[in-house]
């Protein structure tokens, strides 16, 4: 009976050890599976993050390019408007100055004609004076 009890106890101990070994192997496999699953999740998250960074960089580049084009167009339109405004202002100023120049030329012509009339009047006056002197001189000579 003692031998059979010992044999049974040894059998139970053996089964217990076998169960513990199986449980330990299962637990190791389970931990490894969890670690692998965690590593896969981390790798997927890293891949998604890298992919999002690439997409973000591409979108931002495209967005900046479109923004630059919009700003360039707006600046060009504004510059054209400013050029047109300046052109109109300068054309108006040129027309105004041309009118002033024509008026000044007319004034100069009027002054020249007045001067010529004044000179003619002065010439005639001098000629009358010379004529009168000549007549006086002749009367003086005829009187002798």
N, C-alpha and C. Protein backbone atom coordinates (compact mmCIF):
# COMPACT_ATOMS: atom_id res chain seq x y z
N UNK A 1 0.82 -1.18 0.00
CA UNK A 1 0.00 0.00 0.00
C UNK A 1 0.88 1.26 0.00
N UNK A 2 1.92 1.29 0.76
CA UNK A 2 2.81 2.45 0.83
C UNK A 2 3.47 2.66 -0.52
N UNK A 3 3.82 1.54 -1.14
CA UNK A 3 4.47 1.66 -2.45
C UNK A 3 3.47 2.21 -3.45
N UNK A 4 2.24 1.73 -3.40
CA UNK A 4 1.26 2.23 -4.36
C UNK A 4 0.94 3.69 -4.08
N UNK A 5 0.88 4.04 -2.79
CA UNK A 5 0.65 5.45 -2.45
C UNK A 5 1.79 6.32 -2.96
N UNK A 6 2.98 5.84 -2.75
CA UNK A 6 4.15 6.59 -3.24
C UNK A 6 4.15 6.65 -4.76
N UNK A 7 3.77 5.58 -5.39
CA UNK A 7 3.72 5.56 -6.85
C UNK A 7 2.67 6.54 -7.33
N UNK A 8 1.51 6.53 -6.66
CA UNK A 8 0.45 7.46 -7.06
C UNK A 8 0.91 8.90 -6.80
N UNK A 9 1.54 9.10 -5.66
CA UNK A 9 2.03 10.46 -5.36
C UNK A 9 3.06 10.87 -6.39
N UNK A 10 3.94 9.95 -6.76
CA UNK A 10 4.94 10.26 -7.80
C UNK A 10 4.26 10.53 -9.13
N UNK A 11 3.21 9.77 -9.43
CA UNK A 11 2.48 9.97 -10.68
C UNK A 11 1.83 11.34 -10.67
N UNK A 12 1.20 11.67 -9.54
CA UNK A 12 0.56 13.00 -9.45
C UNK A 12 1.60 14.11 -9.55
N UNK A 13 2.72 13.87 -8.86
CA UNK A 13 3.80 14.86 -8.92
C UNK A 13 4.29 14.99 -10.35
N UNK A 14 4.42 13.86 -11.02
CA UNK A 14 4.88 13.85 -12.42
C UNK A 14 3.86 14.58 -13.29
N UNK A 15 2.56 14.30 -13.07
CA UNK A 15 1.51 14.98 -13.85
C UNK A 15 1.53 16.48 -13.57
N UNK A 16 1.72 16.79 -12.25
CA UNK A 16 1.77 18.19 -11.86
C UNK A 16 2.94 18.89 -12.54
N UNK A 17 4.08 18.27 -12.53
CA UNK A 17 5.27 18.83 -13.17
C UNK A 17 5.03 18.97 -14.67
N UNK A 18 4.43 17.94 -15.25
CA UNK A 18 4.13 17.98 -16.69
C UNK A 18 3.16 19.13 -16.99
N UNK A 19 2.11 19.25 -16.16
CA UNK A 19 1.15 20.34 -16.35
C UNK A 19 1.83 21.70 -16.17
N UNK A 20 2.71 21.82 -15.16
CA UNK A 20 3.44 23.07 -14.94
C UNK A 20 4.33 23.39 -16.13
N UNK A 21 4.99 22.35 -16.67
CA UNK A 21 5.86 22.55 -17.83
C UNK A 21 5.02 23.01 -19.01
N UNK A 22 3.87 22.34 -19.25
CA UNK A 22 3.00 22.72 -20.36
C UNK A 22 2.46 24.14 -20.16
N UNK A 23 2.05 24.43 -18.90
CA UNK A 23 1.55 25.78 -18.62
C UNK A 23 2.62 26.83 -18.86
N UNK A 24 3.85 26.54 -18.42
CA UNK A 24 4.96 27.47 -18.60
C UNK A 24 5.24 27.68 -20.09
N UNK A 25 5.26 26.57 -20.85
CA UNK A 25 5.47 26.70 -22.31
C UNK A 25 4.35 27.52 -22.95
N UNK A 26 3.09 27.22 -22.50
CA UNK A 26 1.95 28.00 -23.05
C UNK A 26 2.08 29.47 -22.70
N UNK A 27 2.48 29.72 -21.44
CA UNK A 27 2.63 31.10 -21.00
C UNK A 27 3.73 31.81 -21.77
N UNK A 28 4.85 31.16 -21.99
CA UNK A 28 5.95 31.74 -22.78
C UNK A 28 5.48 32.05 -24.19
N UNK A 29 4.76 31.09 -24.79
CA UNK A 29 4.23 31.31 -26.14
C UNK A 29 3.24 32.47 -26.15
N UNK A 30 2.39 32.52 -25.13
CA UNK A 30 1.39 33.58 -25.03
C UNK A 30 2.08 34.95 -24.90
N UNK A 31 3.10 35.05 -24.04
CA UNK A 31 3.84 36.30 -23.86
C UNK A 31 4.54 36.69 -25.16
N UNK A 32 5.14 35.70 -25.83
CA UNK A 32 5.81 35.97 -27.12
C UNK A 32 4.80 36.48 -28.14
N UNK A 33 3.62 35.85 -28.16
CA UNK A 33 2.58 36.28 -29.11
C UNK A 33 2.15 37.71 -28.81
N UNK A 34 1.98 38.02 -27.51
CA UNK A 34 1.60 39.38 -27.13
C UNK A 34 2.69 40.37 -27.51
N UNK A 35 3.93 40.00 -27.26
CA UNK A 35 5.05 40.88 -27.61
C UNK A 35 5.10 41.10 -29.11
N UNK A 36 4.90 40.03 -29.88
CA UNK A 36 4.92 40.15 -31.33
C UNK A 36 3.76 41.03 -31.81
N UNK A 37 2.58 40.83 -31.19
CA UNK A 37 1.43 41.65 -31.54
C UNK A 37 1.70 43.11 -31.22
N UNK A 38 2.29 43.38 -30.06
CA UNK A 38 2.63 44.74 -29.66
C UNK A 38 3.65 45.35 -30.64
N UNK A 39 4.66 44.56 -30.98
CA UNK A 39 5.69 45.03 -31.92
C UNK A 39 5.05 45.34 -33.28
N UNK A 40 4.12 44.49 -33.73
CA UNK A 40 3.43 44.74 -35.00
C UNK A 40 2.61 46.03 -34.93
N UNK A 41 1.91 46.23 -33.80
CA UNK A 41 1.13 47.46 -33.65
C UNK A 41 2.03 48.69 -33.69
N UNK A 42 3.15 48.61 -32.99
CA UNK A 42 4.10 49.74 -32.98
C UNK A 42 4.63 49.98 -34.40
N UNK A 43 4.97 48.91 -35.11
CA UNK A 43 5.48 49.03 -36.48
C UNK A 43 4.41 49.65 -37.38
N UNK A 44 3.16 49.18 -37.24
CA UNK A 44 2.06 49.75 -38.04
C UNK A 44 1.87 51.23 -37.73
N UNK A 45 1.91 51.56 -36.44
CA UNK A 45 1.75 52.96 -36.06
C UNK A 45 2.88 53.80 -36.63
N UNK A 46 4.10 53.28 -36.58
CA UNK A 46 5.25 54.00 -37.13
C UNK A 46 5.08 54.19 -38.64
N UNK A 47 4.63 53.12 -39.31
CA UNK A 47 4.42 53.20 -40.76
C UNK A 47 3.34 54.23 -41.07
N UNK A 48 2.24 54.21 -40.32
CA UNK A 48 1.14 55.17 -40.54
C UNK A 48 1.62 56.60 -40.30
N UNK A 49 2.43 56.78 -39.26
CA UNK A 49 2.96 58.11 -38.96
C UNK A 49 3.86 58.60 -40.09
N UNK A 50 4.74 57.72 -40.56
CA UNK A 50 5.63 58.10 -41.67
C UNK A 50 4.81 58.41 -42.91
N UNK A 51 3.78 57.60 -43.17
CA UNK A 51 2.93 57.83 -44.33
C UNK A 51 2.19 59.15 -44.21
N UNK A 52 1.67 59.43 -43.01
CA UNK A 52 0.98 60.71 -42.80
C UNK A 52 1.93 61.89 -42.98
N UNK A 53 3.18 61.73 -42.53
CA UNK A 53 4.17 62.80 -42.71
C UNK A 53 4.42 63.06 -44.19
N UNK A 54 4.55 61.97 -44.96
CA UNK A 54 4.77 62.13 -46.40
C UNK A 54 3.58 62.81 -47.06
N UNK A 55 2.38 62.36 -46.71
CA UNK A 55 1.16 62.95 -47.28
C UNK A 55 1.06 64.42 -46.88
N UNK A 56 1.33 64.70 -45.61
CA UNK A 56 1.28 66.09 -45.13
C UNK A 56 2.28 66.96 -45.89
N UNK A 57 3.49 66.46 -46.06
CA UNK A 57 4.51 67.23 -46.77
C UNK A 57 4.09 67.48 -48.21
N UNK A 58 3.54 66.47 -48.87
CA UNK A 58 3.09 66.63 -50.25
C UNK A 58 1.94 67.63 -50.33
N UNK A 59 0.97 67.50 -49.41
CA UNK A 59 -0.17 68.42 -49.41
C UNK A 59 0.29 69.85 -49.15
N UNK A 60 1.19 70.01 -48.19
CA UNK A 60 1.68 71.34 -47.86
C UNK A 60 2.44 71.96 -49.03
N UNK A 61 3.26 71.15 -49.68
CA UNK A 61 4.00 71.64 -50.84
C UNK A 61 3.03 72.10 -51.93
N UNK A 62 2.03 71.28 -52.20
CA UNK A 62 1.03 71.63 -53.21
C UNK A 62 0.27 72.88 -52.79
N UNK A 63 -0.10 72.93 -51.52
CA UNK A 63 -0.84 74.09 -51.00
C UNK A 63 0.00 75.36 -51.12
N UNK A 64 1.27 75.27 -50.74
CA UNK A 64 2.15 76.44 -50.84
C UNK A 64 2.33 76.87 -52.29
N UNK A 65 2.43 75.90 -53.18
CA UNK A 65 2.58 76.22 -54.60
C UNK A 65 1.36 76.96 -55.10
N UNK A 66 0.16 76.45 -54.75
CA UNK A 66 -1.07 77.12 -55.17
C UNK A 66 -1.16 78.50 -54.54
N UNK A 67 -0.76 78.60 -53.26
CA UNK A 67 -0.78 79.88 -52.59
C UNK A 67 0.16 80.87 -53.27
N UNK A 68 1.34 80.39 -53.63
CA UNK A 68 2.31 81.25 -54.31
C UNK A 68 1.73 81.73 -55.64
N UNK A 69 1.08 80.81 -56.37
CA UNK A 69 0.48 81.19 -57.65
C UNK A 69 -0.61 82.25 -57.44
N UNK A 70 -1.45 82.05 -56.41
CA UNK A 70 -2.51 83.03 -56.14
C UNK A 70 -1.91 84.38 -55.79
N UNK A 71 -0.90 84.37 -54.92
CA UNK A 71 -0.28 85.63 -54.51
C UNK A 71 0.39 86.29 -55.70
N UNK A 72 1.06 85.49 -56.52
CA UNK A 72 1.74 86.02 -57.70
C UNK A 72 0.72 86.66 -58.65
N UNK A 73 -0.41 85.96 -58.87
CA UNK A 73 -1.46 86.51 -59.74
C UNK A 73 -2.01 87.80 -59.18
N UNK A 74 -2.29 87.80 -57.87
CA UNK A 74 -2.84 88.99 -57.23
C UNK A 74 -1.85 90.16 -57.34
N UNK A 75 -0.58 89.87 -57.10
CA UNK A 75 0.44 90.93 -57.20
C UNK A 75 0.54 91.44 -58.63
N UNK A 76 0.49 90.53 -59.58
CA UNK A 76 0.58 90.92 -60.98
C UNK A 76 -0.62 91.80 -61.36
N UNK A 77 -1.82 91.39 -60.94
CA UNK A 77 -3.01 92.19 -61.24
C UNK A 77 -2.92 93.56 -60.59
N UNK A 78 -2.45 93.58 -59.35
CA UNK A 78 -2.31 94.86 -58.64
C UNK A 78 -1.27 95.74 -59.34
N UNK A 79 -0.16 95.13 -59.76
CA UNK A 79 0.88 95.89 -60.46
C UNK A 79 0.33 96.44 -61.78
N UNK A 80 -0.45 95.62 -62.49
CA UNK A 80 -1.04 96.09 -63.74
C UNK A 80 -1.99 97.25 -63.48
N UNK A 81 -2.81 97.13 -62.42
CA UNK A 81 -3.73 98.22 -62.07
C UNK A 81 -2.96 99.50 -61.74
N UNK A 82 -1.88 99.34 -60.98
CA UNK A 82 -1.06 100.50 -60.63
C UNK A 82 -0.44 101.12 -61.88
N UNK A 83 0.05 100.25 -62.79
CA UNK A 83 0.65 100.75 -64.03
C UNK A 83 -0.39 101.50 -64.86
N UNK A 84 -1.60 100.93 -64.95
CA UNK A 84 -2.66 101.59 -65.72
C UNK A 84 -3.01 102.93 -65.09
N UNK A 85 -3.11 102.95 -63.76
CA UNK A 85 -3.42 104.19 -63.04
C UNK A 85 -2.33 105.23 -63.28
N UNK A 86 -1.06 104.79 -63.17
CA UNK A 86 0.05 105.72 -63.41
C UNK A 86 0.04 106.23 -64.84
N UNK A 87 -0.24 105.31 -65.79
CA UNK A 87 -0.30 105.71 -67.19
C UNK A 87 -1.38 106.76 -67.40
N UNK A 88 -2.55 106.50 -66.82
CA UNK A 88 -3.64 107.47 -66.96
C UNK A 88 -3.28 108.81 -66.32
N UNK A 89 -2.69 108.75 -65.13
CA UNK A 89 -2.29 109.99 -64.45
C UNK A 89 -1.27 110.77 -65.29
N UNK A 90 -0.27 110.05 -65.80
CA UNK A 90 0.76 110.73 -66.59
C UNK A 90 0.22 111.24 -67.92
N UNK A 91 -0.69 110.48 -68.52
CA UNK A 91 -1.30 110.97 -69.77
C UNK A 91 -2.10 112.24 -69.51
N UNK A 92 -2.83 112.27 -68.39
CA UNK A 92 -3.59 113.47 -68.04
C UNK A 92 -2.64 114.64 -67.79
N UNK A 93 -1.54 114.34 -67.08
CA UNK A 93 -0.55 115.38 -66.80
C UNK A 93 0.09 115.88 -68.10
N UNK A 94 0.39 114.94 -69.01
CA UNK A 94 0.99 115.32 -70.31
C UNK A 94 0.02 116.20 -71.08
N UNK A 95 -1.27 115.81 -71.08
CA UNK A 95 -2.27 116.62 -71.79
C UNK A 95 -2.35 118.01 -71.17
N UNK A 96 -2.33 118.07 -69.84
CA UNK A 96 -2.40 119.36 -69.15
C UNK A 96 -1.18 120.22 -69.48
N UNK A 97 -0.01 119.58 -69.44
CA UNK A 97 1.22 120.33 -69.75
C UNK A 97 1.29 120.74 -71.22
N UNK A 98 0.76 119.87 -72.10
CA UNK A 98 0.72 120.22 -73.52
C UNK A 98 -0.17 121.44 -73.73
N UNK A 99 -1.33 121.44 -73.05
CA UNK A 99 -2.22 122.60 -73.16
C UNK A 99 -1.54 123.85 -72.62
N UNK A 100 -0.83 123.70 -71.50
CA UNK A 100 -0.11 124.85 -70.92
C UNK A 100 0.99 125.32 -71.88
N UNK A 101 1.66 124.37 -72.52
CA UNK A 101 2.71 124.72 -73.49
C UNK A 101 2.13 125.47 -74.68
N UNK A 102 1.00 124.98 -75.18
CA UNK A 102 0.36 125.67 -76.31
C UNK A 102 -0.06 127.08 -75.91
N UNK A 103 -0.58 127.20 -74.70
CA UNK A 103 -0.99 128.52 -74.21
C UNK A 103 0.24 129.44 -74.10
N UNK A 104 1.35 128.87 -73.58
CA UNK A 104 2.57 129.66 -73.45
C UNK A 104 3.10 130.07 -74.83
N UNK A 105 3.02 129.14 -75.80
CA UNK A 105 3.47 129.49 -77.17
C UNK A 105 2.61 130.61 -77.74
N UNK A 106 1.31 130.52 -77.52
CA UNK A 106 0.41 131.59 -77.98
C UNK A 106 0.76 132.92 -77.34
N UNK A 107 1.04 132.88 -76.03
CA UNK A 107 1.44 134.10 -75.31
C UNK A 107 2.74 134.66 -75.88
N UNK A 108 3.69 133.75 -76.16
CA UNK A 108 4.98 134.20 -76.74
C UNK A 108 4.75 134.84 -78.10
N UNK A 109 3.92 134.22 -78.94
CA UNK A 109 3.62 134.81 -80.26
C UNK A 109 2.96 136.17 -80.11
N UNK A 110 2.04 136.30 -79.17
CA UNK A 110 1.37 137.58 -78.94
C UNK A 110 2.38 138.63 -78.49
N UNK A 111 3.26 138.22 -77.56
CA UNK A 111 4.28 139.17 -77.09
C UNK A 111 5.24 139.57 -78.21
N UNK A 112 5.59 138.59 -79.08
CA UNK A 112 6.47 138.92 -80.23
C UNK A 112 5.79 139.92 -81.15
N UNK A 113 4.52 139.69 -81.42
CA UNK A 113 3.81 140.62 -82.33
C UNK A 113 3.70 141.99 -81.67
N UNK A 114 3.44 142.04 -80.34
CA UNK A 114 3.39 143.33 -79.65
C UNK A 114 4.74 144.02 -79.72
N UNK A 115 5.80 143.23 -79.57
CA UNK A 115 7.15 143.80 -79.62
C UNK A 115 7.44 144.37 -81.00
N UNK A 116 7.05 143.58 -82.04
CA UNK A 116 7.28 144.08 -83.40
C UNK A 116 6.49 145.36 -83.65
N UNK A 117 5.24 145.40 -83.15
CA UNK A 117 4.44 146.63 -83.30
C UNK A 117 5.11 147.79 -82.56
N UNK A 118 5.60 147.52 -81.37
CA UNK A 118 6.26 148.56 -80.58
C UNK A 118 7.51 149.05 -81.31
N UNK A 119 8.28 148.07 -81.86
CA UNK A 119 9.50 148.46 -82.60
C UNK A 119 9.14 149.29 -83.83
N UNK A 120 8.09 148.89 -84.54
CA UNK A 120 7.66 149.66 -85.73
C UNK A 120 7.24 151.06 -85.32
N UNK A 121 6.50 151.13 -84.22
CA UNK A 121 6.06 152.44 -83.73
C UNK A 121 7.26 153.30 -83.38
N UNK A 122 8.24 152.69 -82.69
CA UNK A 122 9.44 153.43 -82.32
C UNK A 122 10.22 153.86 -83.56
N UNK A 123 10.29 152.97 -84.56
CA UNK A 123 11.00 153.32 -85.80
C UNK A 123 10.34 154.51 -86.47
N UNK A 124 9.02 154.44 -86.53
CA UNK A 124 8.29 155.54 -87.17
C UNK A 124 8.50 156.84 -86.41
N UNK A 125 8.50 156.73 -85.06
CA UNK A 125 8.71 157.94 -84.26
C UNK A 125 10.10 158.50 -84.50
N UNK A 126 11.10 157.61 -84.53
CA UNK A 126 12.46 158.09 -84.81
C UNK A 126 12.56 158.68 -86.20
N UNK A 127 11.88 158.03 -87.14
CA UNK A 127 11.93 158.54 -88.52
C UNK A 127 11.27 159.91 -88.60
N UNK A 128 10.15 160.08 -87.89
CA UNK A 128 9.51 161.40 -87.87
C UNK A 128 10.45 162.42 -87.25
N UNK A 129 11.11 161.99 -86.17
CA UNK A 129 12.04 162.91 -85.51
C UNK A 129 13.19 163.25 -86.44
N UNK A 130 13.72 162.27 -87.16
CA UNK A 130 14.82 162.51 -88.10
C UNK A 130 14.33 163.40 -89.22
N UNK A 131 13.12 163.13 -89.70
CA UNK A 131 12.55 163.94 -90.78
C UNK A 131 12.42 165.40 -90.33
N UNK A 132 11.90 165.58 -89.13
CA UNK A 132 11.71 166.94 -88.62
C UNK A 132 13.06 167.64 -88.49
N UNK A 133 14.08 166.94 -88.00
CA UNK A 133 15.41 167.51 -87.89
C UNK A 133 15.96 167.87 -89.25
N UNK A 134 15.73 166.99 -90.21
CA UNK A 134 16.22 167.26 -91.57
C UNK A 134 15.54 168.50 -92.13
N UNK A 135 14.23 168.61 -91.90
CA UNK A 135 13.53 169.79 -92.41
C UNK A 135 14.06 171.06 -91.74
N UNK A 136 14.27 171.00 -90.44
CA UNK A 136 14.81 172.16 -89.74
C UNK A 136 16.19 172.53 -90.27
N UNK A 137 17.01 171.50 -90.47
CA UNK A 137 18.35 171.75 -90.98
C UNK A 137 18.29 172.37 -92.35
N UNK A 138 17.36 171.93 -93.17
CA UNK A 138 17.26 172.50 -94.52
C UNK A 138 16.80 173.96 -94.47
N UNK A 139 15.85 174.23 -93.54
CA UNK A 139 15.43 175.63 -93.43
C UNK A 139 16.58 176.49 -92.94
N UNK A 140 17.40 175.93 -92.08
CA UNK A 140 18.55 176.69 -91.59
C UNK A 140 19.48 176.95 -92.74
N UNK A 141 19.77 175.98 -93.58
CA UNK A 141 20.70 176.15 -94.70
C UNK A 141 20.08 177.04 -95.77
N UNK A 142 18.77 176.95 -95.96
CA UNK A 142 18.13 177.77 -96.98
C UNK A 142 18.06 179.21 -96.52
N UNK A 143 17.98 179.38 -95.20
CA UNK A 143 17.94 180.72 -94.68
C UNK A 143 19.24 181.46 -94.93
N UNK A 144 20.34 180.80 -95.06
CA UNK A 144 21.63 181.45 -95.27
C UNK A 144 21.67 181.83 -96.70
